[in-house]
Amino acid sequence: MADLARIGRLGAAIVAKGRDAYLDDGVDGQILRTAGREQIVKVATVVEKLPAELKAAHPDVEWVKVQRMRNLVAHHDDKVNDEFVWETLRTRIPALLDALGLED
């Protein structure tokens, strides 16, 4: 769970740079998008290893969607919508952490 909290902090640092910086076509934007996508893969990797009991205790979390997002980002780079990834970093990952009691 500490890994999820750390990933959440990294995601928050990316979001703190702002949407325009994240979506910028320049090198800095590309770096932010690459880092953002990596956070999604890492979240799913940690979530995959969580005990079934913990997942069952949080039925409000869309566990399958977490894995699907990871598969999209990891295997179908050409189909990734950067705006959707931004929103995931901005809202969905913090909501997951909050649901698990990990939000600062």
PDB file of N, CA and C in Angstrom:
ATOM      1  N   MET A   1       0.825  -1.191   0.000  1.00  0.00           N
ATOM      2  CA  MET A   1       0.000   0.000   0.000  1.00  0.00           C
ATOM      3  C   MET A   1       0.873   1.260   0.000  1.00  0.00           C
ATOM      4  N   ALA A   2       2.047   1.154   0.598  1.00  0.00           N
ATOM      5  CA  ALA A   2       2.959   2.296   0.574  1.00  0.00           C
ATOM      6  C   ALA A   2       3.346   2.631  -0.859  1.00  0.00           C
ATOM      7  N   ASP A   3       3.448   1.597  -1.706  1.00  0.00           N
ATOM      8  CA  ASP A   3       3.755   1.834  -3.120  1.00  0.00           C
ATOM      9  C   ASP A   3       2.673   2.666  -3.782  1.00  0.00           C
ATOM     10  N   LEU A   4       1.408   2.371  -3.479  1.00  0.00           N
ATOM     11  CA  LEU A   4       0.314   3.149  -4.063  1.00  0.00           C
ATOM     12  C   LEU A   4       0.376   4.603  -3.617  1.00  0.00           C
ATOM     13  N   ALA A   5       0.673   4.824  -2.354  1.00  0.00           N
ATOM     14  CA  ALA A   5       0.783   6.193  -1.853  1.00  0.00           C
ATOM     15  C   ALA A   5       1.919   6.935  -2.560  1.00  0.00           C
ATOM     16  N   ARG A   6       3.038   6.262  -2.757  1.00  0.00           N
ATOM     17  CA  ARG A   6       4.173   6.879  -3.454  1.00  0.00           C
ATOM     18  C   ARG A   6       3.808   7.202  -4.896  1.00  0.00           C
ATOM     19  N   ILE A   7       3.159   6.271  -5.564  1.00  0.00           N
ATOM     20  CA  ILE A   7       2.730   6.502  -6.942  1.00  0.00           C
ATOM     21  C   ILE A   7       1.756   7.676  -6.997  1.00  0.00           C
ATOM     22  N   GLY A   8       0.876   7.745  -6.019  1.00  0.00           N
ATOM     23  CA  GLY A   8      -0.064   8.865  -5.952  1.00  0.00           C
ATOM     24  C   GLY A   8       0.646  10.200  -5.822  1.00  0.00           C
ATOM     25  N   ARG A   9       1.703  10.238  -5.030  1.00  0.00           N
ATOM     26  CA  ARG A   9       2.469  11.484  -4.884  1.00  0.00           C
ATOM     27  C   ARG A   9       3.143  11.866  -6.198  1.00  0.00           C
ATOM     28  N   LEU A  10       3.678  10.879  -6.902  1.00  0.00           N
ATOM     29  CA  LEU A  10       4.300  11.163  -8.198  1.00  0.00           C
ATOM     30  C   LEU A  10       3.259  11.656  -9.199  1.00  0.00           C
ATOM     31  N   GLY A  11       2.103  11.014  -9.199  1.00  0.00           N
ATOM     32  CA  GLY A  11       1.020  11.468 -10.074  1.00  0.00           C
ATOM     33  C   GLY A  11       0.599  12.886  -9.747  1.00  0.00           C
ATOM     34  N   ALA A  12       0.516  13.208  -8.465  1.00  0.00           N
ATOM     35  CA  ALA A  12       0.150  14.565  -8.047  1.00  0.00           C
ATOM     36  C   ALA A  12       1.204  15.574  -8.492  1.00  0.00           C
ATOM     37  N   ALA A  13       2.466  15.181  -8.464  1.00  0.00           N
ATOM     38  CA  ALA A  13       3.535  16.076  -8.924  1.00  0.00           C
ATOM     39  C   ALA A  13       3.408  16.347 -10.419  1.00  0.00           C
ATOM     40  N   ILE A  14       3.013  15.335 -11.179  1.00  0.00           N
ATOM     41  CA  ILE A  14       2.796  15.522 -12.616  1.00  0.00           C
ATOM     42  C   ILE A  14       1.626  16.470 -12.832  1.00  0.00           C
ATOM     43  N   VAL A  15       0.540  16.241 -12.122  1.00  0.00           N
ATOM     44  CA  VAL A  15      -0.652  17.085 -12.247  1.00  0.00           C
ATOM     45  C   VAL A  15      -0.343  18.523 -11.844  1.00  0.00           C
ATOM     46  N   ALA A  16       0.516  18.692 -10.850  1.00  0.00           N
ATOM     47  CA  ALA A  16       0.871  20.037 -10.387  1.00  0.00           C
ATOM     48  C   ALA A  16       1.529  20.870 -11.484  1.00  0.00           C
ATOM     49  N   LYS A  17       2.106  20.220 -12.468  1.00  0.00           N
ATOM     50  CA  LYS A  17       2.714  20.948 -13.594  1.00  0.00           C
ATOM     51  C   LYS A  17       1.654  21.600 -14.476  1.00  0.00           C
ATOM     52  N   GLY A  18       0.429  21.091 -14.398  1.00  0.00           N
ATOM     53  CA  GLY A  18      -0.674  21.684 -15.145  1.00  0.00           C
ATOM     54  C   GLY A  18      -1.006  20.943 -16.424  1.00  0.00           C
ATOM     55  N   ARG A  19      -2.263  21.064 -16.809  1.00  0.00           N
ATOM     56  CA  ARG A  19      -2.776  20.377 -17.995  1.00  0.00           C
ATOM     57  C   ARG A  19      -2.060  20.826 -19.262  1.00  0.00           C
ATOM     58  N   ASP A  20      -1.861  22.129 -19.408  1.00  0.00           N
ATOM     59  CA  ASP A  20      -1.213  22.636 -20.622  1.00  0.00           C
ATOM     60  C   ASP A  20       0.202  22.080 -20.765  1.00  0.00           C
ATOM     61  N   ALA A  21       0.936  22.036 -19.657  1.00  0.00           N
ATOM     62  CA  ALA A  21       2.296  21.484 -19.700  1.00  0.00           C
ATOM     63  C   ALA A  21       2.248  19.999 -20.041  1.00  0.00           C
ATOM     64  N   TYR A  22       1.284  19.288 -19.470  1.00  0.00           N
ATOM     65  CA  TYR A  22       1.159  17.852 -19.711  1.00  0.00           C
ATOM     66  C   TYR A  22       0.857  17.554 -21.178  1.00  0.00           C
ATOM     67  N   LEU A  23      -0.001  18.342 -21.772  1.00  0.00           N
ATOM     68  CA  LEU A  23      -0.430  18.091 -23.152  1.00  0.00           C
ATOM     69  C   LEU A  23       0.427  18.799 -24.196  1.00  0.00           C
ATOM     70  N   ASP A  24       1.431  19.553 -23.747  1.00  0.00           N
ATOM     71  CA  ASP A  24       2.294  20.282 -24.672  1.00  0.00           C
ATOM     72  C   ASP A  24       2.994  19.317 -25.633  1.00  0.00           C
ATOM     73  N   ASP A  25       3.139  19.751 -26.876  1.00  0.00           N
ATOM     74  CA  ASP A  25       3.772  18.907 -27.895  1.00  0.00           C
ATOM     75  C   ASP A  25       5.292  18.837 -27.778  1.00  0.00           C
ATOM     76  N   GLY A  26       5.873  19.699 -26.968  1.00  0.00           N
ATOM     77  CA  GLY A  26       7.328  19.730 -26.827  1.00  0.00           C
ATOM     78  C   GLY A  26       7.862  18.572 -26.004  1.00  0.00           C
ATOM     79  N   VAL A  27       9.171  18.570 -25.855  1.00  0.00           N
ATOM     80  CA  VAL A  27       9.853  17.500 -25.125  1.00  0.00           C
ATOM     81  C   VAL A  27       9.372  17.419 -23.681  1.00  0.00           C
ATOM     82  N   ASP A  28       9.192  18.565 -23.028  1.00  0.00           N
ATOM     83  CA  ASP A  28       8.747  18.539 -21.630  1.00  0.00           C
ATOM     84  C   ASP A  28       7.381  17.873 -21.495  1.00  0.00           C
ATOM     85  N   GLY A  29       6.484  18.164 -22.418  1.00  0.00           N
ATOM     86  CA  GLY A  29       5.172  17.520 -22.406  1.00  0.00           C
ATOM     87  C   GLY A  29       5.281  16.023 -22.646  1.00  0.00           C
ATOM     88  N   GLN A  30       6.156  15.649 -23.552  1.00  0.00           N
ATOM     89  CA  GLN A  30       6.360  14.221 -23.832  1.00  0.00           C
ATOM     90  C   GLN A  30       6.889  13.492 -22.600  1.00  0.00           C
ATOM     91  N   ILE A  31       7.788  14.152 -21.882  1.00  0.00           N
ATOM     92  CA  ILE A  31       8.336  13.559 -20.656  1.00  0.00           C
ATOM     93  C   ILE A  31       7.234  13.388 -19.617  1.00  0.00           C
ATOM     94  N   LEU A  32       6.403  14.417 -19.446  1.00  0.00           N
ATOM     95  CA  LEU A  32       5.306  14.327 -18.481  1.00  0.00           C
ATOM     96  C   LEU A  32       4.316  13.228 -18.862  1.00  0.00           C
ATOM     97  N   ARG A  33       3.983  13.138 -20.141  1.00  0.00           N
ATOM     98  CA  ARG A  33       3.038  12.104 -20.577  1.00  0.00           C
ATOM     99  C   ARG A  33       3.616  10.703 -20.377  1.00  0.00           C
ATOM    100  N   THR A  34       4.890  10.536 -20.674  1.00  0.00           N
ATOM    101  CA  THR A  34       5.531   9.237 -20.457  1.00  0.00           C
ATOM    102  C   THR A  34       5.512   8.882 -18.974  1.00  0.00           C
ATOM    103  N   ALA A  35       5.833   9.841 -18.135  1.00  0.00           N
ATOM    104  CA  ALA A  35       5.816   9.608 -16.687  1.00  0.00           C
ATOM    105  C   ALA A  35       4.399   9.316 -16.201  1.00  0.00           C
ATOM    106  N   GLY A  36       3.425  10.028 -16.736  1.00  0.00           N
ATOM    107  CA  GLY A  36       2.034   9.799 -16.351  1.00  0.00           C
ATOM    108  C   GLY A  36       1.560   8.407 -16.718  1.00  0.00           C
ATOM    109  N   ARG A  37       1.898   7.990 -17.914  1.00  0.00           N
ATOM    110  CA  ARG A  37       1.516   6.643 -18.354  1.00  0.00           C
ATOM    111  C   ARG A  37       2.175   5.584 -17.477  1.00  0.00           C
ATOM    112  N   GLU A  38       3.414   5.827 -17.107  1.00  0.00           N
ATOM    113  CA  GLU A  38       4.109   4.864 -16.251  1.00  0.00           C
ATOM    114  C   GLU A  38       3.431   4.741 -14.891  1.00  0.00           C
ATOM    115  N   GLN A  39       2.914   5.841 -14.368  1.00  0.00           N
ATOM    116  CA  GLN A  39       2.226   5.778 -13.075  1.00  0.00           C
ATOM    117  C   GLN A  39       0.984   4.900 -13.169  1.00  0.00           C
ATOM    118  N   ILE A  40       0.292   4.963 -14.297  1.00  0.00           N
ATOM    119  CA  ILE A  40      -0.896   4.127 -14.488  1.00  0.00           C
ATOM    120  C   ILE A  40      -0.509   2.650 -14.509  1.00  0.00           C
ATOM    121  N   VAL A  41       0.559   2.327 -15.205  1.00  0.00           N
ATOM    122  CA  VAL A  41       1.033   0.940 -15.242  1.00  0.00           C
ATOM    123  C   VAL A  41       1.419   0.484 -13.837  1.00  0.00           C
ATOM    124  N   LYS A  42       2.101   1.339 -13.104  1.00  0.00           N
ATOM    125  CA  LYS A  42       2.531   0.980 -11.752  1.00  0.00           C
ATOM    126  C   LYS A  42       1.348   0.781 -10.812  1.00  0.00           C
ATOM    127  N   VAL A  43       0.345   1.659 -10.913  1.00  0.00           N
ATOM    128  CA  VAL A  43      -0.849   1.502 -10.072  1.00  0.00           C
ATOM    129  C   VAL A  43      -1.469   0.134 -10.318  1.00  0.00           C
ATOM    130  N   ALA A  44      -1.652  -0.212 -11.579  1.00  0.00           N
ATOM    131  CA  ALA A  44      -2.278  -1.494 -11.910  1.00  0.00           C
ATOM    132  C   ALA A  44      -1.437  -2.672 -11.437  1.00  0.00           C
ATOM    133  N   THR A  45      -0.124  -2.539 -11.507  1.00  0.00           N
ATOM    134  CA  THR A  45       0.762  -3.612 -11.053  1.00  0.00           C
ATOM    135  C   THR A  45       0.596  -3.845  -9.557  1.00  0.00           C
ATOM    136  N   VAL A  46       0.516  -2.765  -8.796  1.00  0.00           N
ATOM    137  CA  VAL A  46       0.313  -2.895  -7.351  1.00  0.00           C
ATOM    138  C   VAL A  46      -1.086  -3.432  -7.059  1.00  0.00           C
ATOM    139  N   VAL A  47      -2.087  -2.892  -7.741  1.00  0.00           N
ATOM    140  CA  VAL A  47      -3.474  -3.316  -7.522  1.00  0.00           C
ATOM    141  C   VAL A  47      -3.644  -4.805  -7.804  1.00  0.00           C
ATOM    142  N   GLU A  48      -2.977  -5.284  -8.830  1.00  0.00           N
ATOM    143  CA  GLU A  48      -3.071  -6.702  -9.198  1.00  0.00           C
ATOM    144  C   GLU A  48      -2.632  -7.608  -8.048  1.00  0.00           C
ATOM    145  N   LYS A  49      -1.706  -7.128  -7.233  1.00  0.00           N
ATOM    146  CA  LYS A  49      -1.149  -7.934  -6.148  1.00  0.00           C
ATOM    147  C   LYS A  49      -1.892  -7.766  -4.824  1.00  0.00           C
ATOM    148  N   LEU A  50      -2.884  -6.880  -4.783  1.00  0.00           N
ATOM    149  CA  LEU A  50      -3.630  -6.676  -3.543  1.00  0.00           C
ATOM    150  C   LEU A  50      -4.447  -7.921  -3.214  1.00  0.00           C
ATOM    151  N   PRO A  51      -4.595  -8.212  -1.938  1.00  0.00           N
ATOM    152  CA  PRO A  51      -5.382  -9.386  -1.548  1.00  0.00           C
ATOM    153  C   PRO A  51      -6.840  -9.268  -2.006  1.00  0.00           C
ATOM    154  N   ALA A  52      -7.420 -10.389  -2.377  1.00  0.00           N
ATOM    155  CA  ALA A  52      -8.819 -10.415  -2.828  1.00  0.00           C
ATOM    156  C   ALA A  52      -9.755  -9.868  -1.754  1.00  0.00           C
ATOM    157  N   GLU A  53      -9.425 -10.109  -0.495  1.00  0.00           N
ATOM    158  CA  GLU A  53     -10.263  -9.623   0.605  1.00  0.00           C
ATOM    159  C   GLU A  53     -10.313  -8.096   0.623  1.00  0.00           C
ATOM    160  N   LEU A  54      -9.169  -7.475   0.357  1.00  0.00           N
ATOM    161  CA  LEU A  54      -9.121  -6.011   0.327  1.00  0.00           C
ATOM    162  C   LEU A  54      -9.966  -5.477  -0.822  1.00  0.00           C
ATOM    163  N   LYS A  55      -9.850  -6.101  -1.974  1.00  0.00           N
ATOM    164  CA  LYS A  55     -10.647  -5.675  -3.126  1.00  0.00           C
ATOM    165  C   LYS A  55     -12.132  -5.866  -2.853  1.00  0.00           C
ATOM    166  N   ALA A  56     -12.487  -6.977  -2.238  1.00  0.00           N
ATOM    167  CA  ALA A  56     -13.895  -7.243  -1.918  1.00  0.00           C
ATOM    168  C   ALA A  56     -14.439  -6.230  -0.918  1.00  0.00           C
ATOM    169  N   ALA A  57     -13.571  -5.726  -0.062  1.00  0.00           N
ATOM    170  CA  ALA A  57     -13.987  -4.738   0.934  1.00  0.00           C
ATOM    171  C   ALA A  57     -14.218  -3.359   0.323  1.00  0.00           C
ATOM    172  N   HIS A  58     -13.829  -3.189  -0.941  1.00  0.00           N
ATOM    173  CA  HIS A  58     -13.985  -1.911  -1.643  1.00  0.00           C
ATOM    174  C   HIS A  58     -14.667  -2.138  -2.993  1.00  0.00           C
ATOM    175  N   PRO A  59     -15.943  -2.528  -2.956  1.00  0.00           N
ATOM    176  CA  PRO A  59     -16.644  -2.814  -4.214  1.00  0.00           C
ATOM    177  C   PRO A  59     -16.883  -1.573  -5.070  1.00  0.00           C
ATOM    178  N   ASP A  60     -16.737  -0.399  -4.473  1.00  0.00           N
ATOM    179  CA  ASP A  60     -16.919   0.853  -5.213  1.00  0.00           C
ATOM    180  C   ASP A  60     -15.752   1.134  -6.164  1.00  0.00           C
ATOM    181  N   VAL A  61     -14.627   0.493  -5.942  1.00  0.00           N
ATOM    182  CA  VAL A  61     -13.465   0.673  -6.816  1.00  0.00           C
ATOM    183  C   VAL A  61     -13.643  -0.209  -8.049  1.00  0.00           C
ATOM    184  N   GLU A  62     -13.430   0.370  -9.208  1.00  0.00           N
ATOM    185  CA  GLU A  62     -13.587  -0.364 -10.464  1.00  0.00           C
ATOM    186  C   GLU A  62     -12.271  -1.072 -10.807  1.00  0.00           C
ATOM    187  N   TRP A  63     -12.024  -2.176 -10.122  1.00  0.00           N
ATOM    188  CA  TRP A  63     -10.765  -2.899 -10.225  1.00  0.00           C
ATOM    189  C   TRP A  63     -10.471  -3.348 -11.650  1.00  0.00           C
ATOM    190  N   VAL A  64     -11.470  -3.811 -12.352  1.00  0.00           N
ATOM    191  CA  VAL A  64     -11.267  -4.291 -13.724  1.00  0.00           C
ATOM    192  C   VAL A  64     -10.840  -3.144 -14.635  1.00  0.00           C
ATOM    193  N   LYS A  65     -11.416  -1.971 -14.429  1.00  0.00           N
ATOM    194  CA  LYS A  65     -11.051  -0.821 -15.261  1.00  0.00           C
ATOM    195  C   LYS A  65      -9.603  -0.395 -15.028  1.00  0.00           C
ATOM    196  N   VAL A  66      -9.124  -0.559 -13.810  1.00  0.00           N
ATOM    197  CA  VAL A  66      -7.718  -0.246 -13.521  1.00  0.00           C
ATOM    198  C   VAL A  66      -6.822  -1.116 -14.402  1.00  0.00           C
ATOM    199  N   GLN A  67      -7.125  -2.391 -14.460  1.00  0.00           N
ATOM    200  CA  GLN A  67      -6.318  -3.319 -15.262  1.00  0.00           C
ATOM    201  C   GLN A  67      -6.462  -3.044 -16.753  1.00  0.00           C
ATOM    202  N   ARG A  68      -7.667  -2.728 -17.184  1.00  0.00           N
ATOM    203  CA  ARG A  68      -7.878  -2.435 -18.610  1.00  0.00           C
ATOM    204  C   ARG A  68      -7.110  -1.192 -19.041  1.00  0.00           C
ATOM    205  N   MET A  69      -7.098  -0.182 -18.175  1.00  0.00           N
ATOM    206  CA  MET A  69      -6.359   1.044 -18.490  1.00  0.00           C
ATOM    207  C   MET A  69      -4.872   0.729 -18.611  1.00  0.00           C
ATOM    208  N   ARG A  70      -4.372  -0.088 -17.713  1.00  0.00           N
ATOM    209  CA  ARG A  70      -2.965  -0.487 -17.762  1.00  0.00           C
ATOM    210  C   ARG A  70      -2.659  -1.208 -19.069  1.00  0.00           C
ATOM    211  N   ASN A  71      -3.526  -2.132 -19.457  1.00  0.00           N
ATOM    212  CA  ASN A  71      -3.304  -2.877 -20.695  1.00  0.00           C
ATOM    213  C   ASN A  71      -3.300  -1.953 -21.905  1.00  0.00           C
ATOM    214  N   LEU A  72      -4.185  -0.988 -21.915  1.00  0.00           N
ATOM    215  CA  LEU A  72      -4.226  -0.026 -23.016  1.00  0.00           C
ATOM    216  C   LEU A  72      -2.916   0.754 -23.091  1.00  0.00           C
ATOM    217  N   VAL A  73      -2.500   1.306 -21.957  1.00  0.00           N
ATOM    218  CA  VAL A  73      -1.288   2.126 -21.918  1.00  0.00           C
ATOM    219  C   VAL A  73      -0.049   1.295 -22.250  1.00  0.00           C
ATOM    220  N   ALA A  74       0.016   0.083 -21.737  1.00  0.00           N
ATOM    221  CA  ALA A  74       1.211  -0.743 -21.915  1.00  0.00           C
ATOM    222  C   ALA A  74       1.314  -1.386 -23.294  1.00  0.00           C
ATOM    223  N   HIS A  75       0.176  -1.682 -23.906  1.00  0.00           N
ATOM    224  CA  HIS A  75       0.216  -2.479 -25.134  1.00  0.00           C
ATOM    225  C   HIS A  75      -0.332  -1.805 -26.386  1.00  0.00           C
ATOM    226  N   HIS A  76      -1.004  -0.680 -26.214  1.00  0.00           N
ATOM    227  CA  HIS A  76      -1.632  -0.024 -27.369  1.00  0.00           C
ATOM    228  C   HIS A  76      -1.337   1.474 -27.341  1.00  0.00           C
ATOM    229  N   ASP A  77      -0.065   1.793 -27.324  1.00  0.00           N
ATOM    230  CA  ASP A  77       0.380   3.182 -27.210  1.00  0.00           C
ATOM    231  C   ASP A  77      -0.288   4.101 -28.227  1.00  0.00           C
ATOM    232  N   ASP A  78      -0.530   3.597 -29.415  1.00  0.00           N
ATOM    233  CA  ASP A  78      -1.114   4.416 -30.475  1.00  0.00           C
ATOM    234  C   ASP A  78      -2.587   4.737 -30.227  1.00  0.00           C
ATOM    235  N   LYS A  79      -3.219   4.055 -29.275  1.00  0.00           N
ATOM    236  CA  LYS A  79      -4.639   4.282 -28.993  1.00  0.00           C
ATOM    237  C   LYS A  79      -4.873   5.052 -27.696  1.00  0.00           C
ATOM    238  N   VAL A  80      -3.801   5.444 -27.032  1.00  0.00           N
ATOM    239  CA  VAL A  80      -3.927   6.133 -25.752  1.00  0.00           C
ATOM    240  C   VAL A  80      -4.370   7.573 -25.975  1.00  0.00           C
ATOM    241  N   ASN A  81      -5.409   7.962 -25.261  1.00  0.00           N
ATOM    242  CA  ASN A  81      -5.914   9.328 -25.296  1.00  0.00           C
ATOM    243  C   ASN A  81      -5.262  10.084 -24.137  1.00  0.00           C
ATOM    244  N   ASP A  82      -4.385  11.027 -24.465  1.00  0.00           N
ATOM    245  CA  ASP A  82      -3.634  11.734 -23.424  1.00  0.00           C
ATOM    246  C   ASP A  82      -4.537  12.541 -22.497  1.00  0.00           C
ATOM    247  N   GLU A  83      -5.633  13.041 -23.005  1.00  0.00           N
ATOM    248  CA  GLU A  83      -6.584  13.775 -22.162  1.00  0.00           C
ATOM    249  C   GLU A  83      -7.192  12.833 -21.119  1.00  0.00           C
ATOM    250  N   PHE A  84      -7.501  11.620 -21.520  1.00  0.00           N
ATOM    251  CA  PHE A  84      -8.057  10.638 -20.591  1.00  0.00           C
ATOM    252  C   PHE A  84      -7.024  10.243 -19.539  1.00  0.00           C
ATOM    253  N   VAL A  85      -5.776  10.077 -19.956  1.00  0.00           N
ATOM    254  CA  VAL A  85      -4.711   9.767 -18.997  1.00  0.00           C
ATOM    255  C   VAL A  85      -4.567  10.916 -18.004  1.00  0.00           C
ATOM    256  N   TRP A  86      -4.613  12.152 -18.501  1.00  0.00           N
ATOM    257  CA  TRP A  86      -4.541  13.326 -17.624  1.00  0.00           C
ATOM    258  C   TRP A  86      -5.646  13.272 -16.572  1.00  0.00           C
ATOM    259  N   GLU A  87      -6.870  13.013 -17.004  1.00  0.00           N
ATOM    260  CA  GLU A  87      -7.996  12.953 -16.068  1.00  0.00           C
ATOM    261  C   GLU A  87      -7.836  11.804 -15.077  1.00  0.00           C
ATOM    262  N   THR A  88      -7.252  10.716 -15.530  1.00  0.00           N
ATOM    263  CA  THR A  88      -6.994   9.596 -14.630  1.00  0.00           C
ATOM    264  C   THR A  88      -6.002  10.003 -13.551  1.00  0.00           C
ATOM    265  N   LEU A  89      -4.950  10.678 -13.946  1.00  0.00           N
ATOM    266  CA  LEU A  89      -3.960  11.161 -12.976  1.00  0.00           C
ATOM    267  C   LEU A  89      -4.571  12.192 -12.036  1.00  0.00           C
ATOM    268  N   ARG A  90      -5.401  13.050 -12.589  1.00  0.00           N
ATOM    269  CA  ARG A  90      -5.968  14.159 -11.825  1.00  0.00           C
ATOM    270  C   ARG A  90      -7.086  13.722 -10.884  1.00  0.00           C
ATOM    271  N   THR A  91      -7.924  12.771 -11.319  1.00  0.00           N
ATOM    272  CA  THR A  91      -9.103  12.442 -10.513  1.00  0.00           C
ATOM    273  C   THR A  91      -9.204  10.977 -10.099  1.00  0.00           C
ATOM    274  N   ARG A  92      -8.929  10.071 -11.004  1.00  0.00           N
ATOM    275  CA  ARG A  92      -9.203   8.661 -10.716  1.00  0.00           C
ATOM    276  C   ARG A  92      -8.188   8.031  -9.755  1.00  0.00           C
ATOM    277  N   ILE A  93      -6.920   8.342  -9.938  1.00  0.00           N
ATOM    278  CA  ILE A  93      -5.924   7.789  -9.008  1.00  0.00           C
ATOM    279  C   ILE A  93      -6.111   8.373  -7.612  1.00  0.00           C
ATOM    280  N   PRO A  94      -6.299   9.690  -7.469  1.00  0.00           N
ATOM    281  CA  PRO A  94      -6.584  10.209  -6.123  1.00  0.00           C
ATOM    282  C   PRO A  94      -7.849   9.598  -5.507  1.00  0.00           C
ATOM    283  N   ALA A  95      -8.882   9.348  -6.323  1.00  0.00           N
ATOM    284  CA  ALA A  95     -10.108   8.728  -5.803  1.00  0.00           C
ATOM    285  C   ALA A  95      -9.834   7.303  -5.319  1.00  0.00           C
ATOM    286  N   LEU A  96      -9.007   6.571  -6.042  1.00  0.00           N
ATOM    287  CA  LEU A  96      -8.628   5.219  -5.625  1.00  0.00           C
ATOM    288  C   LEU A  96      -7.895   5.270  -4.288  1.00  0.00           C
ATOM    289  N   LEU A  97      -6.939   6.168  -4.184  1.00  0.00           N
ATOM    290  CA  LEU A  97      -6.178   6.293  -2.939  1.00  0.00           C
ATOM    291  C   LEU A  97      -7.084   6.689  -1.781  1.00  0.00           C
ATOM    292  N   ASP A  98      -8.015   7.584  -2.054  1.00  0.00           N
ATOM    293  CA  ASP A  98      -8.967   8.013  -1.030  1.00  0.00           C
ATOM    294  C   ASP A  98      -9.830   6.837  -0.578  1.00  0.00           C
ATOM    295  N   ALA A  99     -10.321   6.049  -1.530  1.00  0.00           N
ATOM    296  CA  ALA A  99     -11.155   4.892  -1.194  1.00  0.00           C
ATOM    297  C   ALA A  99     -10.403   3.894  -0.318  1.00  0.00           C
ATOM    298  N   LEU A 100      -9.098   3.818  -0.513  1.00  0.00           N
ATOM    299  CA  LEU A 100      -8.271   2.889   0.266  1.00  0.00           C
ATOM    300  C   LEU A 100      -7.690   3.534   1.524  1.00  0.00           C
ATOM    301  N   GLY A 101      -8.062   4.790   1.768  1.00  0.00           N
ATOM    302  CA  GLY A 101      -7.575   5.489   2.956  1.00  0.00           C
ATOM    303  C   GLY A 101      -6.129   5.919   2.865  1.00  0.00           C
ATOM    304  N   LEU A 102      -5.645   6.145   1.639  1.00  0.00           N
ATOM    305  CA  LEU A 102      -4.238   6.500   1.440  1.00  0.00           C
ATOM    306  C   LEU A 102      -4.028   7.949   1.046  1.00  0.00           C
ATOM    307  N   GLU A 103      -5.090   8.683   0.848  1.00  0.00           N
ATOM    308  CA  GLU A 103      -4.961  10.075   0.406  1.00  0.00           C
ATOM    309  C   GLU A 103      -4.417  10.918   1.550  1.00  0.00           C
ATOM    310  N   ASP A 104      -3.428  11.761   1.214  1.00  0.00           N
ATOM    311  CA  ASP A 104      -2.832  12.640   2.239  1.00  0.00           C
ATOM    312  C   ASP A 104      -3.833  13.658   2.729  1.00  0.00           C
TER     313      ASP A 104
END
